[in-house]
Amino acid sequence: MKRVAGVGSSDAQKSSDMFMKTQYMDEITGGKGVIFATGTPISNSIVELYTMQRYLQYNTLLKHNLQHFDAWASTFGETVTAVELLPERK
């Protein structure tokens, strides 16, 4: 997805590092690996939701061929074209 507000096109180092760690834990525990406990994991964008599911249910995403963001977003989201107003500057 290009030119969509809040959707970056590059991997963040922290995100890639966490993904590798969650995959390692899944590998050594036979898929029982990781539990995240937080009150507010989604705060800025749909990409955060995808990233959390990627950490916690990557094998499920693979099973349903949704491991890439565009495939996942087209399944669970809807792209809406709208004008976004900038905050008023004084």
N, C-alpha and C. Protein backbone atom coordinates (compact mmCIF):
# COMPACT_ATOMS: atom_id res chain seq x y z
N MET A 1 0.85 -1.18 0.00
CA MET A 1 0.00 0.00 0.00
C MET A 1 0.89 1.23 0.00
N LYS A 2 0.74 2.01 -1.01
CA LYS A 2 1.53 3.23 -1.12
C LYS A 2 0.63 4.43 -0.92
N ARG A 3 1.18 5.49 -0.39
CA ARG A 3 0.49 6.75 -0.18
C ARG A 3 -0.76 6.62 0.69
N VAL A 4 -0.69 5.75 1.70
CA VAL A 4 -1.77 5.60 2.66
C VAL A 4 -1.25 6.13 3.99
N ALA A 5 -1.99 7.07 4.58
CA ALA A 5 -1.56 7.68 5.84
C ALA A 5 -1.37 6.61 6.91
N GLY A 6 -0.23 6.67 7.60
CA GLY A 6 0.04 5.75 8.69
C GLY A 6 0.61 4.41 8.29
N VAL A 7 0.79 4.18 7.00
CA VAL A 7 1.34 2.91 6.54
C VAL A 7 2.74 3.15 6.00
N GLY A 8 3.73 2.73 6.77
CA GLY A 8 5.11 2.88 6.35
C GLY A 8 5.50 1.76 5.40
N SER A 9 6.55 1.99 4.63
CA SER A 9 6.96 0.98 3.66
C SER A 9 8.28 0.31 4.02
N SER A 10 8.84 0.65 5.17
CA SER A 10 10.11 0.04 5.54
C SER A 10 9.97 -0.67 6.89
N ASP A 11 10.79 -1.70 7.09
CA ASP A 11 10.81 -2.41 8.36
C ASP A 11 11.56 -1.61 9.40
N ALA A 12 11.01 -1.50 10.58
CA ALA A 12 11.72 -0.88 11.69
C ALA A 12 12.61 -1.94 12.32
N GLN A 13 13.79 -1.54 12.77
CA GLN A 13 14.73 -2.48 13.37
C GLN A 13 14.14 -3.15 14.60
N LYS A 14 13.47 -2.39 15.46
CA LYS A 14 12.88 -2.98 16.67
C LYS A 14 11.82 -4.02 16.31
N SER A 15 11.02 -3.72 15.30
CA SER A 15 9.97 -4.64 14.88
C SER A 15 10.56 -5.93 14.32
N SER A 16 11.58 -5.80 13.50
CA SER A 16 12.23 -6.99 12.93
C SER A 16 12.88 -7.83 14.02
N ASP A 17 13.49 -7.17 15.00
CA ASP A 17 14.13 -7.87 16.11
C ASP A 17 13.09 -8.63 16.93
N MET A 18 11.98 -7.99 17.25
CA MET A 18 10.93 -8.65 18.02
C MET A 18 10.34 -9.82 17.25
N PHE A 19 10.16 -9.66 15.95
CA PHE A 19 9.63 -10.75 15.13
C PHE A 19 10.55 -11.96 15.18
N MET A 20 11.85 -11.74 15.05
CA MET A 20 12.80 -12.86 15.11
C MET A 20 12.75 -13.54 16.47
N LYS A 21 12.61 -12.76 17.54
CA LYS A 21 12.55 -13.35 18.88
C LYS A 21 11.27 -14.15 19.09
N THR A 22 10.14 -13.65 18.60
CA THR A 22 8.89 -14.41 18.75
C THR A 22 8.92 -15.69 17.91
N GLN A 23 9.52 -15.64 16.73
CA GLN A 23 9.65 -16.84 15.91
C GLN A 23 10.55 -17.87 16.59
N TYR A 24 11.61 -17.41 17.22
CA TYR A 24 12.51 -18.31 17.95
C TYR A 24 11.76 -18.98 19.11
N MET A 25 10.99 -18.19 19.86
CA MET A 25 10.24 -18.77 20.97
C MET A 25 9.21 -19.78 20.49
N ASP A 26 8.55 -19.48 19.37
CA ASP A 26 7.61 -20.45 18.80
C ASP A 26 8.32 -21.74 18.40
N GLU A 27 9.51 -21.59 17.86
CA GLU A 27 10.28 -22.75 17.41
C GLU A 27 10.67 -23.65 18.58
N ILE A 28 11.18 -23.07 19.65
CA ILE A 28 11.66 -23.90 20.76
C ILE A 28 10.55 -24.40 21.67
N THR A 29 9.34 -23.83 21.56
CA THR A 29 8.23 -24.28 22.40
C THR A 29 7.16 -25.03 21.61
N GLY A 30 7.42 -25.29 20.35
CA GLY A 30 6.45 -26.01 19.54
C GLY A 30 5.19 -25.21 19.26
N GLY A 31 5.33 -23.90 19.12
CA GLY A 31 4.18 -23.05 18.79
C GLY A 31 3.45 -22.49 20.00
N LYS A 32 3.96 -22.73 21.20
CA LYS A 32 3.31 -22.24 22.42
C LYS A 32 3.97 -20.96 22.92
N GLY A 33 4.93 -20.44 22.19
CA GLY A 33 5.89 -19.44 22.58
C GLY A 33 5.61 -18.20 23.35
N VAL A 34 4.73 -17.32 22.93
CA VAL A 34 4.72 -15.98 23.46
C VAL A 34 3.32 -15.53 23.84
N ILE A 35 3.22 -14.80 24.93
CA ILE A 35 1.98 -14.14 25.32
C ILE A 35 2.31 -12.67 25.54
N PHE A 36 1.55 -11.79 24.92
CA PHE A 36 1.71 -10.35 25.14
C PHE A 36 0.59 -9.93 26.09
N ALA A 37 0.90 -9.13 27.08
CA ALA A 37 -0.11 -8.63 28.01
C ALA A 37 0.01 -7.11 28.09
N THR A 38 -0.95 -6.44 27.49
CA THR A 38 -0.95 -4.98 27.50
C THR A 38 -2.38 -4.48 27.42
N GLY A 39 -2.62 -3.32 27.94
CA GLY A 39 -3.96 -2.76 27.91
C GLY A 39 -4.27 -2.01 26.62
N THR A 40 -3.26 -1.48 25.98
CA THR A 40 -3.50 -0.64 24.79
C THR A 40 -2.45 -0.88 23.70
N PRO A 41 -2.51 -2.02 23.01
CA PRO A 41 -1.50 -2.29 22.00
C PRO A 41 -1.68 -1.50 20.70
N ILE A 42 -2.90 -1.08 20.39
CA ILE A 42 -3.16 -0.41 19.12
C ILE A 42 -3.43 1.06 19.39
N SER A 43 -2.52 1.92 18.93
CA SER A 43 -2.72 3.34 19.22
C SER A 43 -2.60 4.25 18.00
N ASN A 44 -1.89 3.83 16.97
CA ASN A 44 -1.64 4.75 15.87
C ASN A 44 -2.14 4.31 14.50
N SER A 45 -2.08 3.04 14.20
CA SER A 45 -2.44 2.64 12.83
C SER A 45 -2.80 1.16 12.74
N ILE A 46 -3.38 0.81 11.62
CA ILE A 46 -3.72 -0.58 11.34
C ILE A 46 -2.46 -1.44 11.22
N VAL A 47 -1.35 -0.81 10.89
CA VAL A 47 -0.09 -1.54 10.79
C VAL A 47 0.29 -2.14 12.14
N GLU A 48 -0.03 -1.45 13.22
CA GLU A 48 0.25 -1.99 14.56
C GLU A 48 -0.54 -3.27 14.81
N LEU A 49 -1.78 -3.30 14.39
CA LEU A 49 -2.60 -4.50 14.56
C LEU A 49 -2.01 -5.66 13.77
N TYR A 50 -1.63 -5.41 12.53
CA TYR A 50 -1.01 -6.45 11.71
C TYR A 50 0.29 -6.93 12.36
N THR A 51 1.09 -6.00 12.85
CA THR A 51 2.37 -6.36 13.46
C THR A 51 2.16 -7.24 14.69
N MET A 52 1.17 -6.91 15.52
CA MET A 52 0.90 -7.74 16.69
C MET A 52 0.47 -9.14 16.28
N GLN A 53 -0.39 -9.24 15.28
CA GLN A 53 -0.82 -10.57 14.82
C GLN A 53 0.35 -11.32 14.21
N ARG A 54 1.22 -10.62 13.53
CA ARG A 54 2.40 -11.25 12.94
C ARG A 54 3.30 -11.83 14.02
N TYR A 55 3.47 -11.10 15.12
CA TYR A 55 4.26 -11.61 16.24
C TYR A 55 3.62 -12.86 16.86
N LEU A 56 2.32 -12.81 17.08
CA LEU A 56 1.65 -13.82 17.88
C LEU A 56 1.03 -14.98 17.10
N GLN A 57 0.71 -14.76 15.82
CA GLN A 57 0.03 -15.80 15.05
C GLN A 57 0.60 -15.93 13.64
N TYR A 58 1.90 -15.88 13.51
CA TYR A 58 2.50 -15.91 12.18
C TYR A 58 2.16 -17.19 11.42
N ASN A 59 2.16 -18.31 12.11
CA ASN A 59 1.85 -19.58 11.43
C ASN A 59 0.42 -19.59 10.90
N THR A 60 -0.50 -18.95 11.61
CA THR A 60 -1.88 -18.83 11.14
C THR A 60 -1.94 -17.94 9.91
N LEU A 61 -1.19 -16.86 9.92
CA LEU A 61 -1.13 -15.99 8.74
C LEU A 61 -0.58 -16.76 7.54
N LEU A 62 0.46 -17.55 7.75
CA LEU A 62 1.02 -18.36 6.66
C LEU A 62 -0.02 -19.35 6.13
N LYS A 63 -0.73 -20.01 7.05
CA LYS A 63 -1.73 -21.00 6.68
C LYS A 63 -2.81 -20.41 5.77
N HIS A 64 -3.15 -19.15 6.01
CA HIS A 64 -4.20 -18.49 5.23
C HIS A 64 -3.64 -17.56 4.15
N ASN A 65 -2.33 -17.66 3.91
CA ASN A 65 -1.64 -16.86 2.89
C ASN A 65 -1.84 -15.35 3.11
N LEU A 66 -1.72 -14.93 4.38
CA LEU A 66 -1.88 -13.53 4.74
C LEU A 66 -0.62 -12.97 5.41
N GLN A 67 0.54 -13.53 5.12
CA GLN A 67 1.76 -13.10 5.78
C GLN A 67 2.27 -11.75 5.30
N HIS A 68 1.76 -11.26 4.18
CA HIS A 68 2.16 -9.94 3.67
C HIS A 68 1.07 -8.93 4.02
N PHE A 69 1.50 -7.73 4.40
CA PHE A 69 0.55 -6.72 4.87
C PHE A 69 -0.56 -6.43 3.87
N ASP A 70 -0.24 -6.28 2.60
CA ASP A 70 -1.26 -5.96 1.61
C ASP A 70 -2.37 -7.02 1.55
N ALA A 71 -1.99 -8.28 1.62
CA ALA A 71 -2.98 -9.37 1.60
C ALA A 71 -3.83 -9.32 2.87
N TRP A 72 -3.18 -9.11 4.00
CA TRP A 72 -3.88 -9.03 5.28
C TRP A 72 -4.85 -7.84 5.30
N ALA A 73 -4.36 -6.68 4.87
CA ALA A 73 -5.18 -5.46 4.90
C ALA A 73 -6.37 -5.56 3.95
N SER A 74 -6.19 -6.19 2.80
CA SER A 74 -7.32 -6.32 1.87
C SER A 74 -8.37 -7.31 2.39
N THR A 75 -7.97 -8.19 3.29
CA THR A 75 -8.90 -9.14 3.89
C THR A 75 -9.66 -8.53 5.07
N PHE A 76 -8.95 -7.78 5.92
CA PHE A 76 -9.54 -7.29 7.16
C PHE A 76 -9.82 -5.78 7.18
N GLY A 77 -9.42 -5.08 6.15
CA GLY A 77 -9.59 -3.63 6.15
C GLY A 77 -10.28 -3.12 4.91
N GLU A 78 -10.49 -1.84 4.89
CA GLU A 78 -11.11 -1.19 3.75
C GLU A 78 -10.38 0.14 3.52
N THR A 79 -9.91 0.35 2.30
CA THR A 79 -9.23 1.60 1.97
C THR A 79 -10.28 2.63 1.58
N VAL A 80 -10.23 3.78 2.25
CA VAL A 80 -11.18 4.86 1.98
C VAL A 80 -10.39 6.09 1.56
N THR A 81 -10.77 6.68 0.44
CA THR A 81 -10.13 7.90 -0.02
C THR A 81 -10.89 9.09 0.56
N ALA A 82 -10.18 9.94 1.28
CA ALA A 82 -10.81 11.10 1.89
C ALA A 82 -9.79 12.22 2.04
N VAL A 83 -10.28 13.42 2.13
CA VAL A 83 -9.41 14.57 2.36
C VAL A 83 -9.10 14.65 3.84
N GLU A 84 -7.84 14.81 4.16
CA GLU A 84 -7.43 14.92 5.55
C GLU A 84 -7.04 16.38 5.80
N LEU A 85 -7.71 17.02 6.74
CA LEU A 85 -7.45 18.41 7.03
C LEU A 85 -6.23 18.54 7.94
N LEU A 86 -5.41 19.52 7.67
CA LEU A 86 -4.27 19.80 8.52
C LEU A 86 -4.73 20.64 9.72
N PRO A 87 -4.07 20.49 10.86
CA PRO A 87 -4.43 21.34 12.01
C PRO A 87 -4.22 22.81 11.68
N GLU A 88 -5.08 23.63 12.20
CA GLU A 88 -4.97 25.07 11.97
C GLU A 88 -3.78 25.62 12.72
N ARG A 89 -2.99 26.42 12.02
CA ARG A 89 -1.80 27.03 12.65
C ARG A 89 -2.10 28.48 12.96
N LYS A 90 -1.67 28.91 14.11
CA LYS A 90 -1.91 30.31 14.51
C LYS A 90 -0.63 31.07 14.55
